[in-house]
């Protein structure tokens, strides 16, 4: 009996300190070499016709699909031949250098149930190569529980790289941004693509209840043995 009380006390102590696992998600302004993380270059579909608000692509040698959605909604298209260091870009459909069309939000996700742990992209506002009014962007991340995390970056003046990283076993299902009008998004890289597993680590509170259950089961077995004797 005393042993059962001891187990119960330990479990109660565990419950007292039990807290849900928190997401370890960080957002960073800058390229991956300054923010950490490593991603595969997203290869965009060269056949996109700009007739809707979705652009498709792939990573991991074409084995994992990428879906990029504009939720303005503004029709978007890809420039797979690249601009600026040969990287593919997403632009507003019908945009030209003489008549640049803009958009202000995109969402990045993987197809087939895949999640990811890293994303990097470069946002280009109008006249991004020269002096302009400061602009800001809000980056959103959604984890496997659909919990949203966000961070606002103010005072941007030219083209800017942004990174999002999920650590500590957490993952992204989506990463989005909302910003003033942009003429292009490029240098898109996504890393850590993975599928959900059936094995999960119990929350601390679950461990505490398991301890109580194991203690109770042991006490019942000892009691039965005593009666049988």
C-alpha atoms as a PDB file:
ATOM      1  CA  UNK A   1       0.000   0.000   0.000  1.00  0.00           C
ATOM      2  CA  UNK A   2       2.802   2.379   0.907  1.00  0.00           C
ATOM      3  CA  UNK A   3       4.458   1.623  -2.429  1.00  0.00           C
ATOM      4  CA  UNK A   4       1.237   2.454  -4.266  1.00  0.00           C
ATOM      5  CA  UNK A   5       1.026   5.754  -2.412  1.00  0.00           C
ATOM      6  CA  UNK A   6       4.614   6.483  -3.377  1.00  0.00           C
ATOM      7  CA  UNK A   7       3.863   5.796  -7.038  1.00  0.00           C
ATOM      8  CA  UNK A   8       0.764   7.974  -6.846  1.00  0.00           C
ATOM      9  CA  UNK A   9       2.798  10.766  -5.297  1.00  0.00           C
ATOM     10  CA  UNK A  10       5.395  10.526  -8.048  1.00  0.00           C
ATOM     11  CA  UNK A  11       2.675  10.624 -10.667  1.00  0.00           C
ATOM     12  CA  UNK A  12       1.080  13.624  -9.013  1.00  0.00           C
ATOM     13  CA  UNK A  13       4.442  15.355  -9.068  1.00  0.00           C
ATOM     14  CA  UNK A  14       4.793  14.544 -12.739  1.00  0.00           C
ATOM     15  CA  UNK A  15       1.318  15.959 -13.402  1.00  0.00           C
ATOM     16  CA  UNK A  16       2.242  19.111 -11.542  1.00  0.00           C
ATOM     17  CA  UNK A  17       5.101  19.709 -13.949  1.00  0.00           C
ATOM     18  CA  UNK A  18       3.408  18.224 -17.003  1.00  0.00           C
ATOM     19  CA  UNK A  19       2.902  20.755 -19.770  1.00  0.00           C
ATOM     20  CA  UNK A  20       1.995  20.268 -23.427  1.00  0.00           C
ATOM     21  CA  UNK A  21       4.939  20.069 -25.801  1.00  0.00           C
ATOM     22  CA  UNK A  22       5.526  23.502 -27.311  1.00  0.00           C
ATOM     23  CA  UNK A  23       6.382  24.077 -30.934  1.00  0.00           C
ATOM     24  CA  UNK A  24       9.955  25.141 -31.627  1.00  0.00           C
ATOM     25  CA  UNK A  25       9.303  27.335 -34.649  1.00  0.00           C
ATOM     26  CA  UNK A  26      11.480  30.288 -35.596  1.00  0.00           C
ATOM     27  CA  UNK A  27      11.312  32.875 -38.356  1.00  0.00           C
ATOM     28  CA  UNK A  28      14.378  34.700 -39.587  1.00  0.00           C
ATOM     29  CA  UNK A  29      15.154  37.494 -42.024  1.00  0.00           C
ATOM     30  CA  UNK A  30      18.076  36.516 -44.239  1.00  0.00           C
ATOM     31  CA  UNK A  31      19.327  33.627 -46.340  1.00  0.00           C
ATOM     32  CA  UNK A  32      19.723  30.104 -44.983  1.00  0.00           C
ATOM     33  CA  UNK A  33      23.465  30.545 -44.487  1.00  0.00           C
ATOM     34  CA  UNK A  34      22.690  33.157 -41.816  1.00  0.00           C
ATOM     35  CA  UNK A  35      19.430  31.699 -40.461  1.00  0.00           C
ATOM     36  CA  UNK A  36      20.224  27.987 -40.469  1.00  0.00           C
ATOM     37  CA  UNK A  37      18.329  25.192 -42.147  1.00  0.00           C
ATOM     38  CA  UNK A  38      18.868  23.491 -45.452  1.00  0.00           C
ATOM     39  CA  UNK A  39      16.387  23.095 -48.270  1.00  0.00           C
ATOM     40  CA  UNK A  40      15.968  21.615 -51.730  1.00  0.00           C
ATOM     41  CA  UNK A  41      15.412  24.065 -54.578  1.00  0.00           C
ATOM     42  CA  UNK A  42      11.763  24.048 -55.661  1.00  0.00           C
ATOM     43  CA  UNK A  43      11.490  23.303 -59.383  1.00  0.00           C
ATOM     44  CA  UNK A  44       8.370  24.979 -60.751  1.00  0.00           C
ATOM     45  CA  UNK A  45       6.083  23.580 -63.438  1.00  0.00           C
ATOM     46  CA  UNK A  46       7.129  24.983 -66.798  1.00  0.00           C
ATOM     47  CA  UNK A  47       3.672  24.344 -68.263  1.00  0.00           C
ATOM     48  CA  UNK A  48       1.750  26.620 -65.906  1.00  0.00           C
ATOM     49  CA  UNK A  49      -0.492  28.873 -67.994  1.00  0.00           C
ATOM     50  CA  UNK A  50      -1.369  31.493 -65.366  1.00  0.00           C
ATOM     51  CA  UNK A  51      -5.092  30.764 -65.589  1.00  0.00           C
ATOM     52  CA  UNK A  52      -5.579  30.256 -61.845  1.00  0.00           C
ATOM     53  CA  UNK A  53      -4.124  31.146 -58.443  1.00  0.00           C
ATOM     54  CA  UNK A  54      -1.999  27.975 -58.098  1.00  0.00           C
ATOM     55  CA  UNK A  55       1.534  27.102 -59.197  1.00  0.00           C
ATOM     56  CA  UNK A  56       2.898  23.571 -58.850  1.00  0.00           C
ATOM     57  CA  UNK A  57       6.448  22.395 -58.344  1.00  0.00           C
ATOM     58  CA  UNK A  58       8.572  19.568 -56.963  1.00  0.00           C
ATOM     59  CA  UNK A  59      11.477  18.890 -54.614  1.00  0.00           C
ATOM     60  CA  UNK A  60      13.607  15.818 -53.772  1.00  0.00           C
ATOM     61  CA  UNK A  61      14.366  14.959 -57.410  1.00  0.00           C
ATOM     62  CA  UNK A  62      10.745  15.335 -58.429  1.00  0.00           C
ATOM     63  CA  UNK A  63       9.384  12.842 -55.884  1.00  0.00           C
ATOM     64  CA  UNK A  64       7.530  15.320 -53.630  1.00  0.00           C
ATOM     65  CA  UNK A  65       5.016  17.818 -54.968  1.00  0.00           C
ATOM     66  CA  UNK A  66       4.874  21.487 -53.958  1.00  0.00           C
ATOM     67  CA  UNK A  67       1.728  23.587 -54.225  1.00  0.00           C
ATOM     68  CA  UNK A  68       1.913  27.396 -54.089  1.00  0.00           C
ATOM     69  CA  UNK A  69      -1.397  29.222 -53.718  1.00  0.00           C
ATOM     70  CA  UNK A  70      -2.229  32.907 -53.939  1.00  0.00           C
ATOM     71  CA  UNK A  71      -5.144  33.605 -51.628  1.00  0.00           C
ATOM     72  CA  UNK A  72      -5.919  37.156 -52.831  1.00  0.00           C
ATOM     73  CA  UNK A  73      -6.905  35.489 -55.202  1.00  0.00           C
ATOM     74  CA  UNK A  74      -4.670  36.788 -57.984  1.00  0.00           C
ATOM     75  CA  UNK A  75      -3.774  34.528 -60.884  1.00  0.00           C
ATOM     76  CA  UNK A  76      -0.098  33.611 -60.686  1.00  0.00           C
ATOM     77  CA  UNK A  77       2.340  31.863 -62.959  1.00  0.00           C
ATOM     78  CA  UNK A  78       5.871  30.482 -62.850  1.00  0.00           C
ATOM     79  CA  UNK A  79       8.996  31.641 -64.590  1.00  0.00           C
ATOM     80  CA  UNK A  80      10.858  28.306 -64.660  1.00  0.00           C
ATOM     81  CA  UNK A  81      13.632  29.633 -66.889  1.00  0.00           C
ATOM     82  CA  UNK A  82      14.642  31.808 -63.982  1.00  0.00           C
ATOM     83  CA  UNK A  83      15.591  35.349 -63.293  1.00  0.00           C
ATOM     84  CA  UNK A  84      18.309  36.417 -60.912  1.00  0.00           C
ATOM     85  CA  UNK A  85      20.892  33.652 -60.436  1.00  0.00           C
ATOM     86  CA  UNK A  86      18.910  31.260 -62.610  1.00  0.00           C
ATOM     87  CA  UNK A  87      16.270  30.473 -59.978  1.00  0.00           C
ATOM     88  CA  UNK A  88      12.621  29.931 -60.852  1.00  0.00           C
ATOM     89  CA  UNK A  89      10.190  32.634 -59.735  1.00  0.00           C
ATOM     90  CA  UNK A  90       6.474  33.076 -59.115  1.00  0.00           C
ATOM     91  CA  UNK A  91       4.934  36.185 -60.686  1.00  0.00           C
ATOM     92  CA  UNK A  92       1.474  37.632 -61.184  1.00  0.00           C
ATOM     93  CA  UNK A  93      -0.020  36.291 -64.409  1.00  0.00           C
ATOM     94  CA  UNK A  94       0.415  38.731 -67.291  1.00  0.00           C
ATOM     95  CA  UNK A  95       3.127  40.731 -65.546  1.00  0.00           C
ATOM     96  CA  UNK A  96       5.912  42.223 -67.675  1.00  0.00           C
ATOM     97  CA  UNK A  97       8.832  44.533 -66.997  1.00  0.00           C
ATOM     98  CA  UNK A  98       6.949  47.291 -68.776  1.00  0.00           C
ATOM     99  CA  UNK A  99       3.713  46.553 -66.910  1.00  0.00           C
ATOM    100  CA  UNK A 100       4.557  44.779 -63.616  1.00  0.00           C
ATOM    101  CA  UNK A 101       1.496  43.281 -61.932  1.00  0.00           C
ATOM    102  CA  UNK A 102       1.598  42.540 -58.222  1.00  0.00           C
ATOM    103  CA  UNK A 103       0.241  40.233 -55.517  1.00  0.00           C
ATOM    104  CA  UNK A 104       0.531  40.315 -51.736  1.00  0.00           C
ATOM    105  CA  UNK A 105       0.193  36.803 -50.310  1.00  0.00           C
ATOM    106  CA  UNK A 106       1.220  33.215 -51.028  1.00  0.00           C
ATOM    107  CA  UNK A 107       0.888  29.910 -49.208  1.00  0.00           C
ATOM    108  CA  UNK A 108       3.428  27.067 -49.525  1.00  0.00           C
ATOM    109  CA  UNK A 109       2.596  23.411 -48.826  1.00  0.00           C
ATOM    110  CA  UNK A 110       3.576  19.908 -49.929  1.00  0.00           C
ATOM    111  CA  UNK A 111       1.273  17.369 -51.538  1.00  0.00           C
ATOM    112  CA  UNK A 112       0.609  13.760 -50.528  1.00  0.00           C
ATOM    113  CA  UNK A 113       0.462  14.450 -46.796  1.00  0.00           C
ATOM    114  CA  UNK A 114       4.108  15.510 -46.565  1.00  0.00           C
ATOM    115  CA  UNK A 115       5.205  17.991 -43.910  1.00  0.00           C
ATOM    116  CA  UNK A 116       8.494  19.931 -43.797  1.00  0.00           C
ATOM    117  CA  UNK A 117      10.872  21.591 -41.354  1.00  0.00           C
ATOM    118  CA  UNK A 118      12.479  24.401 -43.380  1.00  0.00           C
ATOM    119  CA  UNK A 119      11.541  26.925 -46.049  1.00  0.00           C
ATOM    120  CA  UNK A 120      13.374  29.850 -47.613  1.00  0.00           C
ATOM    121  CA  UNK A 121      12.100  32.406 -50.128  1.00  0.00           C
ATOM    122  CA  UNK A 122      13.027  35.810 -51.525  1.00  0.00           C
ATOM    123  CA  UNK A 123      10.352  38.525 -51.719  1.00  0.00           C
ATOM    124  CA  UNK A 124      10.708  41.235 -54.354  1.00  0.00           C
ATOM    125  CA  UNK A 125       8.647  44.424 -54.023  1.00  0.00           C
ATOM    126  CA  UNK A 126       8.293  46.886 -56.924  1.00  0.00           C
ATOM    127  CA  UNK A 127      11.622  48.593 -57.608  1.00  0.00           C
ATOM    128  CA  UNK A 128      13.211  46.103 -55.233  1.00  0.00           C
ATOM    129  CA  UNK A 129      16.670  46.878 -56.525  1.00  0.00           C
ATOM    130  CA  UNK A 130      16.574  50.554 -55.625  1.00  0.00           C
ATOM    131  CA  UNK A 131      15.420  53.027 -52.967  1.00  0.00           C
ATOM    132  CA  UNK A 132      11.772  52.709 -52.021  1.00  0.00           C
ATOM    133  CA  UNK A 133       9.357  53.150 -49.140  1.00  0.00           C
ATOM    134  CA  UNK A 134       9.892  50.735 -46.228  1.00  0.00           C
ATOM    135  CA  UNK A 135       7.608  47.721 -46.242  1.00  0.00           C
ATOM    136  CA  UNK A 136       6.742  44.943 -43.802  1.00  0.00           C
ATOM    137  CA  UNK A 137       5.800  41.290 -44.079  1.00  0.00           C
ATOM    138  CA  UNK A 138       4.062  38.844 -41.758  1.00  0.00           C
ATOM    139  CA  UNK A 139       5.213  35.225 -41.999  1.00  0.00           C
ATOM    140  CA  UNK A 140       2.833  32.500 -40.790  1.00  0.00           C
ATOM    141  CA  UNK A 141       3.648  28.888 -39.974  1.00  0.00           C
ATOM    142  CA  UNK A 142       1.159  26.105 -39.277  1.00  0.00           C
ATOM    143  CA  UNK A 143       2.309  23.029 -37.360  1.00  0.00           C
ATOM    144  CA  UNK A 144       0.954  19.481 -37.480  1.00  0.00           C
ATOM    145  CA  UNK A 145      -1.767  20.429 -34.960  1.00  0.00           C
ATOM    146  CA  UNK A 146      -2.785  23.369 -37.180  1.00  0.00           C
ATOM    147  CA  UNK A 147      -1.508  25.799 -34.546  1.00  0.00           C
ATOM    148  CA  UNK A 148      -0.464  29.069 -36.165  1.00  0.00           C
ATOM    149  CA  UNK A 149       2.747  30.925 -35.367  1.00  0.00           C
ATOM    150  CA  UNK A 150       3.655  34.276 -36.890  1.00  0.00           C
ATOM    151  CA  UNK A 151       6.219  37.055 -36.864  1.00  0.00           C
ATOM    152  CA  UNK A 152       6.206  40.539 -38.379  1.00  0.00           C
ATOM    153  CA  UNK A 153       9.312  41.977 -40.048  1.00  0.00           C
ATOM    154  CA  UNK A 154       9.247  45.761 -40.407  1.00  0.00           C
ATOM    155  CA  UNK A 155      11.496  48.271 -42.126  1.00  0.00           C
ATOM    156  CA  UNK A 156      12.350  46.226 -45.224  1.00  0.00           C
ATOM    157  CA  UNK A 157      13.574  48.482 -48.015  1.00  0.00           C
ATOM    158  CA  UNK A 158      14.640  46.190 -50.847  1.00  0.00           C
ATOM    159  CA  UNK A 159      14.448  42.530 -51.802  1.00  0.00           C
ATOM    160  CA  UNK A 160      14.557  40.311 -48.739  1.00  0.00           C
ATOM    161  CA  UNK A 161      15.134  36.636 -47.947  1.00  0.00           C
ATOM    162  CA  UNK A 162      13.031  35.029 -45.223  1.00  0.00           C
ATOM    163  CA  UNK A 163      13.376  31.659 -43.509  1.00  0.00           C
ATOM    164  CA  UNK A 164      11.161  29.538 -41.311  1.00  0.00           C
ATOM    165  CA  UNK A 165      12.509  26.597 -39.307  1.00  0.00           C
ATOM    166  CA  UNK A 166      10.767  23.964 -37.187  1.00  0.00           C
ATOM    167  CA  UNK A 167      12.976  22.253 -34.603  1.00  0.00           C
ATOM    168  CA  UNK A 168      12.560  19.938 -31.649  1.00  0.00           C
ATOM    169  CA  UNK A 169      10.527  17.390 -33.586  1.00  0.00           C
ATOM    170  CA  UNK A 170       7.958  19.894 -34.817  1.00  0.00           C
ATOM    171  CA  UNK A 171       6.917  20.183 -38.462  1.00  0.00           C
ATOM    172  CA  UNK A 172       5.152  22.588 -40.827  1.00  0.00           C
ATOM    173  CA  UNK A 173       2.058  21.783 -42.834  1.00  0.00           C
ATOM    174  CA  UNK A 174       1.914  25.270 -44.406  1.00  0.00           C
ATOM    175  CA  UNK A 175       3.972  28.472 -44.453  1.00  0.00           C
ATOM    176  CA  UNK A 176       2.370  31.680 -45.738  1.00  0.00           C
ATOM    177  CA  UNK A 177       3.094  35.375 -45.907  1.00  0.00           C
ATOM    178  CA  UNK A 178       1.143  38.608 -46.182  1.00  0.00           C
ATOM    179  CA  UNK A 179       2.909  41.725 -47.470  1.00  0.00           C
ATOM    180  CA  UNK A 180       2.346  44.877 -49.535  1.00  0.00           C
ATOM    181  CA  UNK A 181       2.330  44.390 -53.315  1.00  0.00           C
ATOM    182  CA  UNK A 182       5.149  42.172 -54.575  1.00  0.00           C
ATOM    183  CA  UNK A 183       6.267  41.584 -58.141  1.00  0.00           C
ATOM    184  CA  UNK A 184       7.947  38.232 -57.554  1.00  0.00           C
ATOM    185  CA  UNK A 185       8.864  35.460 -55.136  1.00  0.00           C
ATOM    186  CA  UNK A 186      11.875  33.313 -55.896  1.00  0.00           C
ATOM    187  CA  UNK A 187      14.812  31.328 -54.549  1.00  0.00           C
ATOM    188  CA  UNK A 188      12.241  29.006 -52.970  1.00  0.00           C
ATOM    189  CA  UNK A 189      13.773  26.097 -51.051  1.00  0.00           C
ATOM    190  CA  UNK A 190      12.008  23.562 -48.837  1.00  0.00           C
ATOM    191  CA  UNK A 191      13.764  21.043 -46.599  1.00  0.00           C
ATOM    192  CA  UNK A 192      13.033  18.228 -44.187  1.00  0.00           C
ATOM    193  CA  UNK A 193      10.127  16.771 -46.174  1.00  0.00           C
ATOM    194  CA  UNK A 194       8.644  13.854 -44.237  1.00  0.00           C
ATOM    195  CA  UNK A 195       5.482  11.806 -43.865  1.00  0.00           C
ATOM    196  CA  UNK A 196       3.667  11.396 -40.529  1.00  0.00           C
ATOM    197  CA  UNK A 197       4.625   8.322 -38.521  1.00  0.00           C
ATOM    198  CA  UNK A 198       2.351   6.234 -36.325  1.00  0.00           C
ATOM    199  CA  UNK A 199       4.788   6.420 -33.428  1.00  0.00           C
ATOM    200  CA  UNK A 200       4.343   9.510 -31.290  1.00  0.00           C
ATOM    201  CA  UNK A 201       5.967  10.620 -28.043  1.00  0.00           C
ATOM    202  CA  UNK A 202       3.370  10.885 -25.261  1.00  0.00           C
ATOM    203  CA  UNK A 203       2.787  14.234 -23.594  1.00  0.00           C
ATOM    204  CA  UNK A 204       4.144  14.561 -20.013  1.00  0.00           C
ATOM    205  CA  UNK A 205       0.585  14.354 -18.649  1.00  0.00           C
ATOM    206  CA  UNK A 206       0.086  11.083 -20.521  1.00  0.00           C
ATOM    207  CA  UNK A 207       3.293   9.708 -19.025  1.00  0.00           C
ATOM    208  CA  UNK A 208       2.000  10.644 -15.564  1.00  0.00           C
ATOM    209  CA  UNK A 209      -1.254   8.755 -16.074  1.00  0.00           C
ATOM    210  CA  UNK A 210       0.707   5.773 -17.404  1.00  0.00           C
ATOM    211  CA  UNK A 211       2.826   5.774 -14.229  1.00  0.00           C
ATOM    212  CA  UNK A 212      -0.322   5.718 -12.101  1.00  0.00           C
ATOM    213  CA  UNK A 213      -1.750   2.918 -14.241  1.00  0.00           C
ATOM    214  CA  UNK A 214       1.396   0.796 -13.987  1.00  0.00           C
ATOM    215  CA  UNK A 215       1.505   1.335 -10.213  1.00  0.00           C
ATOM    216  CA  UNK A 216      -2.126   0.356  -9.810  1.00  0.00           C
ATOM    217  CA  UNK A 217      -1.706  -2.760 -11.943  1.00  0.00           C
ATOM    218  CA  UNK A 218       1.305  -3.834  -9.894  1.00  0.00           C
ATOM    219  CA  UNK A 219      -0.580  -3.338  -6.642  1.00  0.00           C
ATOM    220  CA  UNK A 220      -3.493  -5.462  -7.905  1.00  0.00           C
ATOM    221  CA  UNK A 221      -1.132  -8.276  -8.899  1.00  0.00           C
ATOM    222  CA  UNK A 222       0.550  -8.254  -5.470  1.00  0.00           C
ATOM    223  CA  UNK A 223      -2.838  -8.260  -3.723  1.00  0.00           C
ATOM    224  CA  UNK A 224      -4.022 -11.236  -5.767  1.00  0.00           C
ATOM    225  CA  UNK A 225      -0.836 -13.155  -4.975  1.00  0.00           C
ATOM    226  CA  UNK A 226      -1.301 -12.456  -1.243  1.00  0.00           C
ATOM    227  CA  UNK A 227      -4.892 -13.707  -1.328  1.00  0.00           C
ATOM    228  CA  UNK A 228      -3.881 -16.798  -3.283  1.00  0.00           C
ATOM    229  CA  UNK A 229      -1.189 -17.561  -0.730  1.00  0.00           C
END
